[in-house]
Amino acid sequence: MIRPILTEKSLRLMEEGQYTFDLNREWTKPQIKFFVEDLFNVNVRSIRTYRLPRQLKTQKRAIIQLQGNQTLDYSFAEEE
């Protein structure tokens, strides 16, 4: 499960090449990196993760920074 987050803060981060996603809590950073690189055909520079508050125990949020001037196009993910 991977879902893009579209909030004011995440939109501001997108301008800097950083993208925010909700993920399954059990995923590790190497798994997240492999999945994002495979799904979107980009190179990941860094990943920062944090857990959401108690009411959403099953999710983790990740901020993914891409290398260079790469961008993500996840318009297809919003349609699902």
N, C-alpha and C. Protein backbone atom coordinates (compact mmCIF):
# COMPACT_ATOMS: atom_id res chain seq x y z
N MET A 1 0.84 -1.17 0.00
CA MET A 1 0.00 0.00 0.00
C MET A 1 0.89 1.24 0.00
N ILE A 2 0.69 2.08 -0.98
CA ILE A 2 1.39 3.36 -1.04
C ILE A 2 0.40 4.39 -1.55
N ARG A 3 0.32 5.52 -0.84
CA ARG A 3 -0.65 6.54 -1.19
C ARG A 3 0.01 7.91 -1.06
N PRO A 4 -0.05 8.72 -2.11
CA PRO A 4 0.54 10.06 -2.03
C PRO A 4 -0.27 10.96 -1.10
N ILE A 5 0.41 11.87 -0.43
CA ILE A 5 -0.21 12.83 0.47
C ILE A 5 -0.19 14.20 -0.20
N LEU A 6 -1.35 14.84 -0.24
CA LEU A 6 -1.45 16.16 -0.86
C LEU A 6 -2.00 17.15 0.17
N THR A 7 -1.10 17.71 0.96
CA THR A 7 -1.44 18.74 1.93
C THR A 7 -0.64 19.99 1.58
N GLU A 8 -0.88 21.06 2.31
CA GLU A 8 -0.12 22.29 2.05
C GLU A 8 1.38 22.06 2.23
N LYS A 9 1.74 21.37 3.29
CA LYS A 9 3.15 21.11 3.55
C LYS A 9 3.75 20.21 2.47
N SER A 10 3.04 19.16 2.09
CA SER A 10 3.59 18.25 1.08
C SER A 10 3.70 18.94 -0.28
N LEU A 11 2.76 19.82 -0.61
CA LEU A 11 2.86 20.56 -1.87
C LEU A 11 4.06 21.51 -1.87
N ARG A 12 4.35 22.10 -0.71
CA ARG A 12 5.52 22.96 -0.59
C ARG A 12 6.80 22.14 -0.74
N LEU A 13 6.81 20.93 -0.17
CA LEU A 13 7.97 20.05 -0.30
C LEU A 13 8.16 19.57 -1.74
N MET A 14 7.06 19.40 -2.48
CA MET A 14 7.17 18.97 -3.88
C MET A 14 7.96 19.95 -4.71
N GLU A 15 7.85 21.23 -4.39
CA GLU A 15 8.60 22.24 -5.12
C GLU A 15 10.10 22.07 -4.92
N GLU A 16 10.50 21.42 -3.82
CA GLU A 16 11.91 21.17 -3.52
C GLU A 16 12.34 19.77 -3.94
N GLY A 17 11.45 19.03 -4.63
CA GLY A 17 11.78 17.68 -5.09
C GLY A 17 11.61 16.62 -4.02
N GLN A 18 10.76 16.87 -3.03
CA GLN A 18 10.49 15.91 -1.97
C GLN A 18 9.02 15.53 -2.01
N TYR A 19 8.74 14.23 -1.95
CA TYR A 19 7.38 13.73 -2.10
C TYR A 19 7.00 12.93 -0.87
N THR A 20 5.75 13.08 -0.43
CA THR A 20 5.27 12.47 0.80
C THR A 20 4.26 11.37 0.49
N PHE A 21 4.43 10.22 1.16
CA PHE A 21 3.55 9.07 0.95
C PHE A 21 3.17 8.45 2.29
N ASP A 22 1.96 7.89 2.34
CA ASP A 22 1.57 7.00 3.44
C ASP A 22 1.90 5.59 3.00
N LEU A 23 2.50 4.82 3.91
CA LEU A 23 2.96 3.48 3.59
C LEU A 23 2.53 2.50 4.66
N ASN A 24 2.73 1.23 4.36
CA ASN A 24 2.53 0.19 5.35
C ASN A 24 3.61 0.34 6.42
N ARG A 25 3.25 0.21 7.67
CA ARG A 25 4.17 0.46 8.78
C ARG A 25 5.36 -0.51 8.82
N GLU A 26 5.20 -1.71 8.27
CA GLU A 26 6.26 -2.72 8.33
C GLU A 26 7.36 -2.51 7.30
N TRP A 27 7.15 -1.65 6.31
CA TRP A 27 8.15 -1.46 5.27
C TRP A 27 9.39 -0.78 5.82
N THR A 28 10.55 -1.25 5.37
CA THR A 28 11.82 -0.64 5.75
C THR A 28 12.24 0.35 4.67
N LYS A 29 13.24 1.16 4.97
CA LYS A 29 13.71 2.15 3.99
C LYS A 29 14.21 1.50 2.71
N PRO A 30 14.98 0.39 2.77
CA PRO A 30 15.39 -0.24 1.50
C PRO A 30 14.20 -0.76 0.68
N GLN A 31 13.18 -1.26 1.35
CA GLN A 31 11.98 -1.72 0.63
C GLN A 31 11.26 -0.54 -0.02
N ILE A 32 11.15 0.56 0.71
CA ILE A 32 10.49 1.75 0.19
C ILE A 32 11.26 2.27 -1.03
N LYS A 33 12.58 2.33 -0.91
CA LYS A 33 13.41 2.81 -2.01
C LYS A 33 13.24 1.94 -3.25
N PHE A 34 13.29 0.63 -3.08
CA PHE A 34 13.14 -0.28 -4.21
C PHE A 34 11.77 -0.10 -4.87
N PHE A 35 10.73 -0.01 -4.07
CA PHE A 35 9.37 0.11 -4.60
C PHE A 35 9.18 1.42 -5.37
N VAL A 36 9.64 2.53 -4.81
CA VAL A 36 9.47 3.83 -5.47
C VAL A 36 10.29 3.88 -6.76
N GLU A 37 11.54 3.40 -6.71
CA GLU A 37 12.37 3.42 -7.91
C GLU A 37 11.79 2.53 -9.00
N ASP A 38 11.25 1.39 -8.62
CA ASP A 38 10.67 0.47 -9.59
C ASP A 38 9.36 1.00 -10.16
N LEU A 39 8.50 1.53 -9.31
CA LEU A 39 7.18 1.99 -9.73
C LEU A 39 7.25 3.26 -10.58
N PHE A 40 8.07 4.22 -10.18
CA PHE A 40 8.11 5.52 -10.86
C PHE A 40 9.31 5.72 -11.78
N ASN A 41 10.25 4.76 -11.80
CA ASN A 41 11.43 4.83 -12.66
C ASN A 41 12.24 6.11 -12.38
N VAL A 42 12.58 6.31 -11.11
CA VAL A 42 13.38 7.45 -10.67
C VAL A 42 14.49 6.94 -9.75
N ASN A 43 15.42 7.82 -9.38
CA ASN A 43 16.48 7.49 -8.42
C ASN A 43 16.23 8.23 -7.13
N VAL A 44 16.16 7.48 -6.03
CA VAL A 44 15.89 8.06 -4.72
C VAL A 44 17.19 8.49 -4.08
N ARG A 45 17.23 9.73 -3.60
CA ARG A 45 18.42 10.25 -2.92
C ARG A 45 18.37 9.95 -1.43
N SER A 46 17.23 10.22 -0.79
CA SER A 46 17.11 9.95 0.64
C SER A 46 15.64 9.71 1.00
N ILE A 47 15.47 9.06 2.15
CA ILE A 47 14.13 8.75 2.66
C ILE A 47 14.11 9.08 4.15
N ARG A 48 13.10 9.85 4.54
CA ARG A 48 12.86 10.12 5.96
C ARG A 48 11.50 9.54 6.30
N THR A 49 11.43 8.78 7.37
CA THR A 49 10.16 8.16 7.76
C THR A 49 9.79 8.58 9.17
N TYR A 50 8.50 8.56 9.43
CA TYR A 50 8.01 8.78 10.79
C TYR A 50 6.64 8.13 10.92
N ARG A 51 6.31 7.80 12.16
CA ARG A 51 5.03 7.17 12.44
C ARG A 51 3.98 8.23 12.69
N LEU A 52 2.77 7.90 12.30
CA LEU A 52 1.65 8.81 12.51
C LEU A 52 1.11 8.64 13.93
N PRO A 53 0.29 9.55 14.39
CA PRO A 53 -0.26 9.45 15.74
C PRO A 53 -1.04 8.16 15.98
N ARG A 54 -1.38 7.92 17.21
CA ARG A 54 -1.99 6.67 17.64
C ARG A 54 -3.21 6.24 16.83
N GLN A 55 -4.05 7.17 16.40
CA GLN A 55 -5.27 6.76 15.72
C GLN A 55 -5.01 6.08 14.38
N LEU A 56 -3.83 6.24 13.84
CA LEU A 56 -3.48 5.59 12.57
C LEU A 56 -2.30 4.65 12.77
N LYS A 57 -2.43 3.70 13.66
CA LYS A 57 -1.33 2.83 14.05
C LYS A 57 -0.74 2.01 12.90
N THR A 58 -1.52 1.74 11.89
CA THR A 58 -1.06 0.83 10.85
C THR A 58 -0.28 1.52 9.74
N GLN A 59 -0.07 2.83 9.84
CA GLN A 59 0.59 3.55 8.76
C GLN A 59 1.86 4.25 9.21
N LYS A 60 2.68 4.48 8.22
CA LYS A 60 3.94 5.21 8.38
C LYS A 60 3.96 6.23 7.25
N ARG A 61 4.57 7.35 7.47
CA ARG A 61 4.68 8.37 6.44
C ARG A 61 6.15 8.50 6.05
N ALA A 62 6.40 8.65 4.76
CA ALA A 62 7.76 8.79 4.26
C ALA A 62 7.87 10.03 3.39
N ILE A 63 8.96 10.76 3.56
CA ILE A 63 9.29 11.88 2.69
C ILE A 63 10.48 11.43 1.86
N ILE A 64 10.28 11.39 0.55
CA ILE A 64 11.27 10.83 -0.36
C ILE A 64 11.85 11.96 -1.19
N GLN A 65 13.17 12.08 -1.17
CA GLN A 65 13.85 13.09 -1.97
C GLN A 65 14.51 12.40 -3.15
N LEU A 66 14.34 12.98 -4.33
CA LEU A 66 14.88 12.40 -5.55
C LEU A 66 16.21 13.04 -5.92
N GLN A 67 17.00 12.30 -6.71
CA GLN A 67 18.28 12.81 -7.15
C GLN A 67 18.10 13.77 -8.31
N GLY A 68 18.92 14.79 -8.35
CA GLY A 68 18.91 15.74 -9.47
C GLY A 68 17.60 16.46 -9.62
N ASN A 69 17.20 16.66 -10.87
CA ASN A 69 15.97 17.39 -11.17
C ASN A 69 14.83 16.45 -11.54
N GLN A 70 14.84 15.25 -11.01
CA GLN A 70 13.78 14.29 -11.33
C GLN A 70 12.48 14.68 -10.63
N THR A 71 11.38 14.30 -11.23
CA THR A 71 10.07 14.54 -10.64
C THR A 71 9.24 13.27 -10.71
N LEU A 72 8.25 13.19 -9.86
CA LEU A 72 7.32 12.07 -9.87
C LEU A 72 6.02 12.49 -10.52
N ASP A 73 5.48 11.61 -11.33
CA ASP A 73 4.15 11.84 -11.88
C ASP A 73 3.28 10.70 -11.40
N TYR A 74 2.51 10.95 -10.34
CA TYR A 74 1.66 9.90 -9.82
C TYR A 74 0.19 10.22 -10.01
N SER A 75 -0.11 10.84 -11.14
CA SER A 75 -1.51 11.14 -11.44
C SER A 75 -2.32 9.86 -11.60
N PHE A 76 -1.68 8.78 -12.07
CA PHE A 76 -2.40 7.51 -12.20
C PHE A 76 -2.75 6.93 -10.85
N ALA A 77 -1.96 7.22 -9.83
CA ALA A 77 -2.21 6.68 -8.49
C ALA A 77 -3.45 7.32 -7.86
N GLU A 78 -3.76 8.56 -8.22
CA GLU A 78 -4.91 9.24 -7.68
C GLU A 78 -6.22 8.68 -8.22
N GLU A 79 -6.18 8.09 -9.42
CA GLU A 79 -7.39 7.57 -10.05
C GLU A 79 -7.84 6.26 -9.44
N GLU A 80 -6.94 5.52 -8.80
CA GLU A 80 -7.28 4.21 -8.25
C GLU A 80 -8.13 4.32 -7.02
